C-alpha atoms as a PDB file:
ATOM      1  CA  UNK A   1     -28.410 238.440 161.672  1.00  0.00           C
ATOM      2  CA  UNK A   2     -24.869 239.337 160.621  1.00  0.00           C
ATOM      3  CA  UNK A   3     -22.214 236.623 160.840  1.00  0.00           C
ATOM      4  CA  UNK A   4     -20.186 238.736 163.251  1.00  0.00           C
ATOM      5  CA  UNK A   5     -23.086 238.759 165.729  1.00  0.00           C
ATOM      6  CA  UNK A   6     -23.481 234.995 165.724  1.00  0.00           C
ATOM      7  CA  UNK A   7     -21.527 232.601 167.971  1.00  0.00           C
ATOM      8  CA  UNK A   8     -18.119 231.262 166.953  1.00  0.00           C
ATOM      9  CA  UNK A   9     -17.230 227.559 166.944  1.00  0.00           C
ATOM     10  CA  UNK A  10     -14.282 225.474 168.067  1.00  0.00           C
ATOM     11  CA  UNK A  11     -14.357 222.164 166.182  1.00  0.00           C
ATOM     12  CA  UNK A  12     -12.330 219.597 168.117  1.00  0.00           C
ATOM     13  CA  UNK A  13     -11.277 216.881 165.669  1.00  0.00           C
ATOM     14  CA  UNK A  14      -9.305 213.810 166.740  1.00  0.00           C
ATOM     15  CA  UNK A  15      -7.662 211.953 163.860  1.00  0.00           C
ATOM     16  CA  UNK A  16      -5.703 208.720 163.685  1.00  0.00           C
ATOM     17  CA  UNK A  17      -4.908 206.311 160.836  1.00  0.00           C
ATOM     18  CA  UNK A  18      -6.635 208.695 158.457  1.00  0.00           C
ATOM     19  CA  UNK A  19      -4.912 210.376 155.514  1.00  0.00           C
ATOM     20  CA  UNK A  20      -6.984 211.472 152.537  1.00  0.00           C
ATOM     21  CA  UNK A  21     -10.165 210.550 154.436  1.00  0.00           C
ATOM     22  CA  UNK A  22      -9.773 213.728 156.444  1.00  0.00           C
ATOM     23  CA  UNK A  23     -10.617 215.630 153.260  1.00  0.00           C
ATOM     24  CA  UNK A  24     -14.296 214.622 153.672  1.00  0.00           C
ATOM     25  CA  UNK A  25     -14.633 216.810 156.748  1.00  0.00           C
ATOM     26  CA  UNK A  26     -12.322 219.615 155.649  1.00  0.00           C
ATOM     27  CA  UNK A  27     -14.012 219.933 152.250  1.00  0.00           C
ATOM     28  CA  UNK A  28     -17.394 220.295 153.940  1.00  0.00           C
ATOM     29  CA  UNK A  29     -16.012 222.963 156.277  1.00  0.00           C
ATOM     30  CA  UNK A  30     -14.729 224.979 153.343  1.00  0.00           C
ATOM     31  CA  UNK A  31     -18.325 225.314 152.138  1.00  0.00           C
ATOM     32  CA  UNK A  32     -19.874 226.462 155.403  1.00  0.00           C
ATOM     33  CA  UNK A  33     -21.968 229.614 155.007  1.00  0.00           C
ATOM     34  CA  UNK A  34     -21.127 230.602 158.602  1.00  0.00           C
ATOM     35  CA  UNK A  35     -17.396 231.342 158.722  1.00  0.00           C
ATOM     36  CA  UNK A  36     -16.725 232.015 162.407  1.00  0.00           C
ATOM     37  CA  UNK A  37     -15.092 228.707 163.279  1.00  0.00           C
ATOM     38  CA  UNK A  38     -11.671 227.191 163.735  1.00  0.00           C
ATOM     39  CA  UNK A  39     -10.487 223.606 163.745  1.00  0.00           C
ATOM     40  CA  UNK A  40      -8.476 222.150 166.617  1.00  0.00           C
ATOM     41  CA  UNK A  41      -7.033 219.105 164.873  1.00  0.00           C
ATOM     42  CA  UNK A  42      -5.512 216.618 167.307  1.00  0.00           C
ATOM     43  CA  UNK A  43      -3.147 214.358 165.381  1.00  0.00           C
ATOM     44  CA  UNK A  44      -2.479 210.922 166.895  1.00  0.00           C
ATOM     45  CA  UNK A  45      -0.459 209.548 163.998  1.00  0.00           C
ATOM     46  CA  UNK A  46       3.238 208.734 164.201  1.00  0.00           C
ATOM     47  CA  UNK A  47       3.801 210.102 160.686  1.00  0.00           C
ATOM     48  CA  UNK A  48       2.779 213.146 158.645  1.00  0.00           C
ATOM     49  CA  UNK A  49      -0.082 211.537 156.753  1.00  0.00           C
ATOM     50  CA  UNK A  50      -2.448 214.455 157.508  1.00  0.00           C
ATOM     51  CA  UNK A  51       0.008 216.996 156.060  1.00  0.00           C
ATOM     52  CA  UNK A  52      -1.326 216.937 152.478  1.00  0.00           C
ATOM     53  CA  UNK A  53      -4.916 217.342 153.651  1.00  0.00           C
ATOM     54  CA  UNK A  54      -4.001 220.347 155.775  1.00  0.00           C
ATOM     55  CA  UNK A  55      -1.981 221.889 152.955  1.00  0.00           C
ATOM     56  CA  UNK A  56      -5.017 221.568 150.683  1.00  0.00           C
ATOM     57  CA  UNK A  57      -7.122 223.744 153.041  1.00  0.00           C
ATOM     58  CA  UNK A  58      -5.155 227.016 153.361  1.00  0.00           C
ATOM     59  CA  UNK A  59      -8.338 229.048 153.882  1.00  0.00           C
ATOM     60  CA  UNK A  60      -9.368 227.162 157.012  1.00  0.00           C
ATOM     61  CA  UNK A  61      -8.099 228.229 160.422  1.00  0.00           C
ATOM     62  CA  UNK A  62      -6.579 224.991 161.710  1.00  0.00           C
ATOM     63  CA  UNK A  63      -4.506 224.560 164.861  1.00  0.00           C
ATOM     64  CA  UNK A  64      -2.497 221.352 164.527  1.00  0.00           C
ATOM     65  CA  UNK A  65      -2.084 219.630 167.900  1.00  0.00           C
ATOM     66  CA  UNK A  66      -0.667 216.257 168.944  1.00  0.00           C
ATOM     67  CA  UNK A  67      -1.679 213.667 171.534  1.00  0.00           C
ATOM     68  CA  UNK A  68      -1.121 209.992 172.369  1.00  0.00           C
ATOM     69  CA  UNK A  69      -3.612 207.525 170.960  1.00  0.00           C
ATOM     70  CA  UNK A  70      -7.043 207.455 172.525  1.00  0.00           C
ATOM     71  CA  UNK A  71     -10.103 209.458 171.504  1.00  0.00           C
ATOM     72  CA  UNK A  72     -10.737 210.937 174.946  1.00  0.00           C
ATOM     73  CA  UNK A  73      -7.047 211.793 175.381  1.00  0.00           C
ATOM     74  CA  UNK A  74      -7.086 213.628 172.051  1.00  0.00           C
ATOM     75  CA  UNK A  75     -10.104 215.721 172.966  1.00  0.00           C
ATOM     76  CA  UNK A  76      -8.665 216.512 176.368  1.00  0.00           C
ATOM     77  CA  UNK A  77      -5.496 217.801 174.674  1.00  0.00           C
ATOM     78  CA  UNK A  78      -7.608 220.325 172.744  1.00  0.00           C
ATOM     79  CA  UNK A  79      -9.995 221.540 175.449  1.00  0.00           C
ATOM     80  CA  UNK A  80      -7.512 223.975 177.085  1.00  0.00           C
ATOM     81  CA  UNK A  81      -7.170 225.675 173.665  1.00  0.00           C
ATOM     82  CA  UNK A  82     -10.892 226.383 173.340  1.00  0.00           C
ATOM     83  CA  UNK A  83     -11.897 230.042 173.584  1.00  0.00           C
ATOM     84  CA  UNK A  84     -14.832 230.128 171.150  1.00  0.00           C
ATOM     85  CA  UNK A  85     -18.529 230.311 172.010  1.00  0.00           C
ATOM     86  CA  UNK A  86     -19.635 226.829 170.926  1.00  0.00           C
ATOM     87  CA  UNK A  87     -17.661 223.569 171.059  1.00  0.00           C
ATOM     88  CA  UNK A  88     -18.271 220.635 168.698  1.00  0.00           C
ATOM     89  CA  UNK A  89     -16.584 217.259 168.225  1.00  0.00           C
ATOM     90  CA  UNK A  90     -16.949 216.185 164.575  1.00  0.00           C
ATOM     91  CA  UNK A  91     -15.562 212.827 163.475  1.00  0.00           C
ATOM     92  CA  UNK A  92     -12.625 213.144 161.110  1.00  0.00           C
ATOM     93  CA  UNK A  93     -14.588 211.446 158.301  1.00  0.00           C
ATOM     94  CA  UNK A  94     -18.024 213.053 158.723  1.00  0.00           C
ATOM     95  CA  UNK A  95     -19.351 215.980 156.658  1.00  0.00           C
ATOM     96  CA  UNK A  96     -21.342 219.063 157.627  1.00  0.00           C
ATOM     97  CA  UNK A  97     -24.069 220.273 155.229  1.00  0.00           C
ATOM     98  CA  UNK A  98     -23.231 223.769 153.962  1.00  0.00           C
ATOM     99  CA  UNK A  99     -25.683 225.585 156.255  1.00  0.00           C
ATOM    100  CA  UNK A 100     -25.251 223.472 159.394  1.00  0.00           C
ATOM    101  CA  UNK A 101     -23.093 225.865 161.437  1.00  0.00           C
ATOM    102  CA  UNK A 102     -25.257 228.807 160.345  1.00  0.00           C
ATOM    103  CA  UNK A 103     -28.427 227.077 161.546  1.00  0.00           C
ATOM    104  CA  UNK A 104     -26.888 226.073 164.855  1.00  0.00           C
ATOM    105  CA  UNK A 105     -25.354 229.510 165.436  1.00  0.00           C
ATOM    106  CA  UNK A 106     -28.733 231.132 164.825  1.00  0.00           C
ATOM    107  CA  UNK A 107     -30.428 228.758 167.251  1.00  0.00           C
ATOM    108  CA  UNK A 108     -27.957 229.541 170.017  1.00  0.00           C
ATOM    109  CA  UNK A 109     -28.208 233.293 169.310  1.00  0.00           C
ATOM    110  CA  UNK A 110     -32.000 233.173 169.570  1.00  0.00           C
ATOM    111  CA  UNK A 111     -32.036 230.922 172.645  1.00  0.00           C
ATOM    112  CA  UNK A 112     -29.738 232.213 175.405  1.00  0.00           C
ATOM    113  CA  UNK A 113     -31.363 229.651 177.726  1.00  0.00           C
ATOM    114  CA  UNK A 114     -30.044 226.811 175.578  1.00  0.00           C
ATOM    115  CA  UNK A 115     -26.793 225.174 176.700  1.00  0.00           C
ATOM    116  CA  UNK A 116     -26.454 222.554 174.003  1.00  0.00           C
ATOM    117  CA  UNK A 117     -27.879 221.050 170.833  1.00  0.00           C
ATOM    118  CA  UNK A 118     -27.639 217.567 169.397  1.00  0.00           C
ATOM    119  CA  UNK A 119     -28.557 216.434 165.920  1.00  0.00           C
ATOM    120  CA  UNK A 120     -28.611 213.164 163.987  1.00  0.00           C
ATOM    121  CA  UNK A 121     -26.015 211.373 161.873  1.00  0.00           C
ATOM    122  CA  UNK A 122     -27.198 209.866 158.581  1.00  0.00           C
ATOM    123  CA  UNK A 123     -25.620 208.595 155.392  1.00  0.00           C
ATOM    124  CA  UNK A 124     -26.105 210.216 151.993  1.00  0.00           C
ATOM    125  CA  UNK A 125     -29.360 208.273 151.554  1.00  0.00           C
ATOM    126  CA  UNK A 126     -30.704 209.715 154.858  1.00  0.00           C
ATOM    127  CA  UNK A 127     -30.375 206.379 156.654  1.00  0.00           C
ATOM    128  CA  UNK A 128     -29.460 206.341 160.340  1.00  0.00           C
ATOM    129  CA  UNK A 129     -28.513 203.430 162.529  1.00  0.00           C
ATOM    130  CA  UNK A 130     -31.651 201.634 163.631  1.00  0.00           C
ATOM    131  CA  UNK A 131     -31.800 202.937 167.202  1.00  0.00           C
ATOM    132  CA  UNK A 132     -31.736 206.683 166.439  1.00  0.00           C
ATOM    133  CA  UNK A 133     -34.751 208.594 167.726  1.00  0.00           C
ATOM    134  CA  UNK A 134     -36.647 210.830 165.319  1.00  0.00           C
ATOM    135  CA  UNK A 135     -38.548 212.647 168.078  1.00  0.00           C
ATOM    136  CA  UNK A 136     -37.022 215.961 169.150  1.00  0.00           C
ATOM    137  CA  UNK A 137     -37.078 217.526 172.592  1.00  0.00           C
ATOM    138  CA  UNK A 138     -35.032 218.169 175.697  1.00  0.00           C
ATOM    139  CA  UNK A 139     -32.472 215.556 176.683  1.00  0.00           C
ATOM    140  CA  UNK A 140     -32.979 213.869 180.022  1.00  0.00           C
ATOM    141  CA  UNK A 141     -30.775 211.330 181.719  1.00  0.00           C
ATOM    142  CA  UNK A 142     -33.029 208.310 181.239  1.00  0.00           C
ATOM    143  CA  UNK A 143     -33.836 208.712 177.534  1.00  0.00           C
ATOM    144  CA  UNK A 144     -30.831 210.432 175.960  1.00  0.00           C
ATOM    145  CA  UNK A 145     -29.124 207.232 174.804  1.00  0.00           C
ATOM    146  CA  UNK A 146     -30.346 207.389 171.188  1.00  0.00           C
ATOM    147  CA  UNK A 147     -30.429 211.174 170.809  1.00  0.00           C
ATOM    148  CA  UNK A 148     -26.770 212.183 170.859  1.00  0.00           C
ATOM    149  CA  UNK A 149     -23.300 211.191 169.768  1.00  0.00           C
ATOM    150  CA  UNK A 150     -20.091 213.177 169.661  1.00  0.00           C
ATOM    151  CA  UNK A 151     -20.295 214.094 165.959  1.00  0.00           C
ATOM    152  CA  UNK A 152     -23.754 215.597 166.448  1.00  0.00           C
ATOM    153  CA  UNK A 153     -23.165 217.454 169.733  1.00  0.00           C
ATOM    154  CA  UNK A 154     -22.736 221.241 170.124  1.00  0.00           C
ATOM    155  CA  UNK A 155     -22.193 222.741 173.596  1.00  0.00           C
ATOM    156  CA  UNK A 156     -21.635 226.244 174.890  1.00  0.00           C
ATOM    157  CA  UNK A 157     -18.076 226.748 176.077  1.00  0.00           C
ATOM    158  CA  UNK A 158     -19.310 227.456 179.614  1.00  0.00           C
ATOM    159  CA  UNK A 159     -20.839 223.964 179.776  1.00  0.00           C
ATOM    160  CA  UNK A 160     -17.588 222.359 178.604  1.00  0.00           C
ATOM    161  CA  UNK A 161     -15.690 224.331 181.246  1.00  0.00           C
ATOM    162  CA  UNK A 162     -18.087 223.064 183.937  1.00  0.00           C
ATOM    163  CA  UNK A 163     -17.993 219.434 182.807  1.00  0.00           C
ATOM    164  CA  UNK A 164     -14.228 219.351 182.276  1.00  0.00           C
ATOM    165  CA  UNK A 165     -12.213 216.568 180.687  1.00  0.00           C
ATOM    166  CA  UNK A 166     -13.479 213.466 178.927  1.00  0.00           C
ATOM    167  CA  UNK A 167     -13.219 210.211 180.872  1.00  0.00           C
ATOM    168  CA  UNK A 168     -10.045 208.606 179.474  1.00  0.00           C
ATOM    169  CA  UNK A 169     -11.261 205.186 180.612  1.00  0.00           C
ATOM    170  CA  UNK A 170     -13.801 205.462 177.783  1.00  0.00           C
ATOM    171  CA  UNK A 171     -13.499 205.813 174.012  1.00  0.00           C
ATOM    172  CA  UNK A 172     -11.643 204.205 171.145  1.00  0.00           C
ATOM    173  CA  UNK A 173      -7.994 203.673 171.941  1.00  0.00           C
ATOM    174  CA  UNK A 174      -8.529 203.950 175.687  1.00  0.00           C
ATOM    175  CA  UNK A 175      -6.743 200.651 176.316  1.00  0.00           C
ATOM    176  CA  UNK A 176      -9.576 199.561 178.629  1.00  0.00           C
ATOM    177  CA  UNK A 177     -12.567 197.271 178.130  1.00  0.00           C
ATOM    178  CA  UNK A 178     -14.797 200.355 177.747  1.00  0.00           C
ATOM    179  CA  UNK A 179     -13.669 201.464 174.293  1.00  0.00           C
ATOM    180  CA  UNK A 180     -16.704 203.564 173.361  1.00  0.00           C
ATOM    181  CA  UNK A 181     -19.303 205.705 175.141  1.00  0.00           C
ATOM    182  CA  UNK A 182     -17.128 208.730 175.987  1.00  0.00           C
ATOM    183  CA  UNK A 183     -19.691 211.016 174.315  1.00  0.00           C
ATOM    184  CA  UNK A 184     -22.631 209.524 176.225  1.00  0.00           C
ATOM    185  CA  UNK A 185     -20.753 209.894 179.496  1.00  0.00           C
ATOM    186  CA  UNK A 186     -20.008 213.538 178.684  1.00  0.00           C
ATOM    187  CA  UNK A 187     -23.664 214.326 177.952  1.00  0.00           C
ATOM    188  CA  UNK A 188     -24.767 212.660 181.200  1.00  0.00           C
ATOM    189  CA  UNK A 189     -22.263 214.766 183.124  1.00  0.00           C
ATOM    190  CA  UNK A 190     -23.440 217.925 181.376  1.00  0.00           C
ATOM    191  CA  UNK A 191     -27.069 217.148 182.263  1.00  0.00           C
ATOM    192  CA  UNK A 192     -26.061 216.434 185.862  1.00  0.00           C
ATOM    193  CA  UNK A 193     -24.343 219.843 185.901  1.00  0.00           C
ATOM    194  CA  UNK A 194     -27.675 221.478 185.027  1.00  0.00           C
ATOM    195  CA  UNK A 195     -27.187 221.971 181.276  1.00  0.00           C
ATOM    196  CA  UNK A 196     -30.285 222.359 179.121  1.00  0.00           C
ATOM    197  CA  UNK A 197     -29.629 220.395 175.928  1.00  0.00           C
ATOM    198  CA  UNK A 198     -32.132 219.803 173.123  1.00  0.00           C
ATOM    199  CA  UNK A 199     -32.215 217.154 170.414  1.00  0.00           C
ATOM    200  CA  UNK A 200     -33.277 218.311 166.947  1.00  0.00           C
ATOM    201  CA  UNK A 201     -33.411 215.429 164.421  1.00  0.00           C
ATOM    202  CA  UNK A 202     -33.512 217.924 161.527  1.00  0.00           C
ATOM    203  CA  UNK A 203     -29.887 218.874 162.245  1.00  0.00           C
ATOM    204  CA  UNK A 204     -28.092 216.339 160.059  1.00  0.00           C
ATOM    205  CA  UNK A 205     -24.412 215.402 160.062  1.00  0.00           C
ATOM    206  CA  UNK A 206     -23.426 213.149 157.179  1.00  0.00           C
ATOM    207  CA  UNK A 207     -21.549 209.984 158.062  1.00  0.00           C
ATOM    208  CA  UNK A 208     -21.499 206.815 155.998  1.00  0.00           C
ATOM    209  CA  UNK A 209     -22.836 203.724 157.733  1.00  0.00           C
ATOM    210  CA  UNK A 210     -20.256 200.980 158.105  1.00  0.00           C
ATOM    211  CA  UNK A 211     -21.050 197.445 156.961  1.00  0.00           C
ATOM    212  CA  UNK A 212     -19.995 194.780 159.461  1.00  0.00           C
ATOM    213  CA  UNK A 213     -19.432 191.070 159.113  1.00  0.00           C
ATOM    214  CA  UNK A 214     -21.336 188.894 161.569  1.00  0.00           C
ATOM    215  CA  UNK A 215     -18.246 188.531 163.783  1.00  0.00           C
ATOM    216  CA  UNK A 216     -17.495 192.279 163.654  1.00  0.00           C
ATOM    217  CA  UNK A 217     -21.091 193.064 164.579  1.00  0.00           C
ATOM    218  CA  UNK A 218     -20.883 190.747 167.580  1.00  0.00           C
ATOM    219  CA  UNK A 219     -17.649 192.463 168.683  1.00  0.00           C
ATOM    220  CA  UNK A 220     -19.295 195.899 168.383  1.00  0.00           C
ATOM    221  CA  UNK A 221     -22.225 194.725 170.508  1.00  0.00           C
ATOM    222  CA  UNK A 222     -19.881 193.441 173.200  1.00  0.00           C
ATOM    223  CA  UNK A 223     -17.715 196.601 173.114  1.00  0.00           C
ATOM    224  CA  UNK A 224     -20.588 199.084 173.207  1.00  0.00           C
ATOM    225  CA  UNK A 225     -22.504 196.981 175.720  1.00  0.00           C
ATOM    226  CA  UNK A 226     -19.577 197.063 178.147  1.00  0.00           C
ATOM    227  CA  UNK A 227     -19.336 200.844 177.840  1.00  0.00           C
ATOM    228  CA  UNK A 228     -23.060 201.312 178.441  1.00  0.00           C
ATOM    229  CA  UNK A 229     -22.836 199.100 181.527  1.00  0.00           C
ATOM    230  CA  UNK A 230     -19.843 201.112 182.762  1.00  0.00           C
ATOM    231  CA  UNK A 231     -21.789 204.370 182.346  1.00  0.00           C
ATOM    232  CA  UNK A 232     -24.885 202.977 184.095  1.00  0.00           C
ATOM    233  CA  UNK A 233     -22.701 201.908 187.015  1.00  0.00           C
ATOM    234  CA  UNK A 234     -20.555 205.053 187.104  1.00  0.00           C
ATOM    235  CA  UNK A 235     -23.551 207.382 187.201  1.00  0.00           C
ATOM    236  CA  UNK A 236     -25.571 205.223 189.587  1.00  0.00           C
ATOM    237  CA  UNK A 237     -28.574 204.851 187.312  1.00  0.00           C
ATOM    238  CA  UNK A 238     -31.686 203.568 189.120  1.00  0.00           C
ATOM    239  CA  UNK A 239     -32.651 199.941 188.736  1.00  0.00           C
ATOM    240  CA  UNK A 240     -35.702 200.641 186.570  1.00  0.00           C
ATOM    241  CA  UNK A 241     -33.388 202.173 183.941  1.00  0.00           C
ATOM    242  CA  UNK A 242     -30.804 199.394 184.307  1.00  0.00           C
ATOM    243  CA  UNK A 243     -33.546 196.786 183.931  1.00  0.00           C
ATOM    244  CA  UNK A 244     -34.845 198.459 180.772  1.00  0.00           C
ATOM    245  CA  UNK A 245     -31.341 198.559 179.299  1.00  0.00           C
ATOM    246  CA  UNK A 246     -30.956 194.821 179.958  1.00  0.00           C
ATOM    247  CA  UNK A 247     -34.406 193.852 178.689  1.00  0.00           C
ATOM    248  CA  UNK A 248     -33.956 195.586 175.327  1.00  0.00           C
ATOM    249  CA  UNK A 249     -31.204 193.304 173.993  1.00  0.00           C
ATOM    250  CA  UNK A 250     -33.156 190.285 175.275  1.00  0.00           C
ATOM    251  CA  UNK A 251     -36.069 191.463 173.160  1.00  0.00           C
ATOM    252  CA  UNK A 252     -33.660 191.942 170.261  1.00  0.00           C
ATOM    253  CA  UNK A 253     -32.536 188.327 170.544  1.00  0.00           C
ATOM    254  CA  UNK A 254     -36.127 187.048 170.543  1.00  0.00           C
ATOM    255  CA  UNK A 255     -37.195 189.144 167.560  1.00  0.00           C
ATOM    256  CA  UNK A 256     -34.053 188.275 165.589  1.00  0.00           C
ATOM    257  CA  UNK A 257     -34.518 184.544 166.187  1.00  0.00           C
ATOM    258  CA  UNK A 258     -38.156 184.830 165.110  1.00  0.00           C
ATOM    259  CA  UNK A 259     -36.859 186.309 161.856  1.00  0.00           C
ATOM    260  CA  UNK A 260     -34.138 183.637 161.567  1.00  0.00           C
ATOM    261  CA  UNK A 261     -31.525 186.406 161.646  1.00  0.00           C
ATOM    262  CA  UNK A 262     -28.769 184.645 163.565  1.00  0.00           C
ATOM    263  CA  UNK A 263     -26.220 187.419 163.006  1.00  0.00           C
ATOM    264  CA  UNK A 264     -28.493 190.015 164.589  1.00  0.00           C
ATOM    265  CA  UNK A 265     -29.395 187.633 167.413  1.00  0.00           C
ATOM    266  CA  UNK A 266     -25.699 187.164 168.216  1.00  0.00           C
ATOM    267  CA  UNK A 267     -25.240 190.953 168.192  1.00  0.00           C
ATOM    268  CA  UNK A 268     -28.018 191.475 170.734  1.00  0.00           C
ATOM    269  CA  UNK A 269     -26.759 188.591 172.877  1.00  0.00           C
ATOM    270  CA  UNK A 270     -23.255 190.107 172.853  1.00  0.00           C
ATOM    271  CA  UNK A 271     -24.749 193.505 173.762  1.00  0.00           C
ATOM    272  CA  UNK A 272     -26.479 191.931 176.763  1.00  0.00           C
ATOM    273  CA  UNK A 273     -23.282 190.178 177.904  1.00  0.00           C
ATOM    274  CA  UNK A 274     -21.365 193.423 177.522  1.00  0.00           C
ATOM    275  CA  UNK A 275     -23.847 195.452 179.550  1.00  0.00           C
ATOM    276  CA  UNK A 276     -23.791 192.924 182.352  1.00  0.00           C
ATOM    277  CA  UNK A 277     -19.975 192.921 182.306  1.00  0.00           C
ATOM    278  CA  UNK A 278     -19.902 196.732 182.431  1.00  0.00           C
ATOM    279  CA  UNK A 279     -22.347 196.815 185.337  1.00  0.00           C
ATOM    280  CA  UNK A 280     -20.253 194.290 187.239  1.00  0.00           C
ATOM    281  CA  UNK A 281     -17.045 196.196 186.482  1.00  0.00           C
END
């Protein structure tokens, strides 16, 4: 199928505290075999640190926007500018394989019934975070937690228009206790609006895994746990789902202690405390 007959993409990219690191994403976009895309770059820096990276990509169509700090606020600043067929939310330091947009465009062109696609983030050695599912299929409310994140999500513009803005109580830089989970919340809202979204683990977005100290890992567990609890409460998840989401970190603590992995045990314990705090509000 000719490129001109395939869907176009709006890539909404929020960036803050990133200078040369932005080149990782922009370099990968320069090598895309499907060329019908533009970048809506939402700059949350107080200086011009992204200027050199933008100047080094004259062949990319980039609209440079500005917003206050906060991941959800940045994305919301870009959404009114979207007029392309498919909307994506790549991280500013991830990388798309050369044929990624071509594969996704073809899938949407062949499947008019499909409202969204999610893929999987891995590092260069094909390693994902431990909780990623490798089983594809349709997303449903109860089991979508390990099958989507913002960097791997692609939605038809009509779905984004129905769902509306990101919840600014969620996400990095929100200034609240729920400083992650904005992508999960958005997917839940899309599913509740009737969107048909499929997870395909063969669609890979490259993103290096971060190494955490024991204390950093505990803080991540607490942060993400609070956001998950907030989402469970906000969307009135049934008690059997809430119970499962509380039992899992308990199991993680038990297994980690059996392995004498105190750092991992503290992470799971912090996750449990966070989820309870989020549920209680």
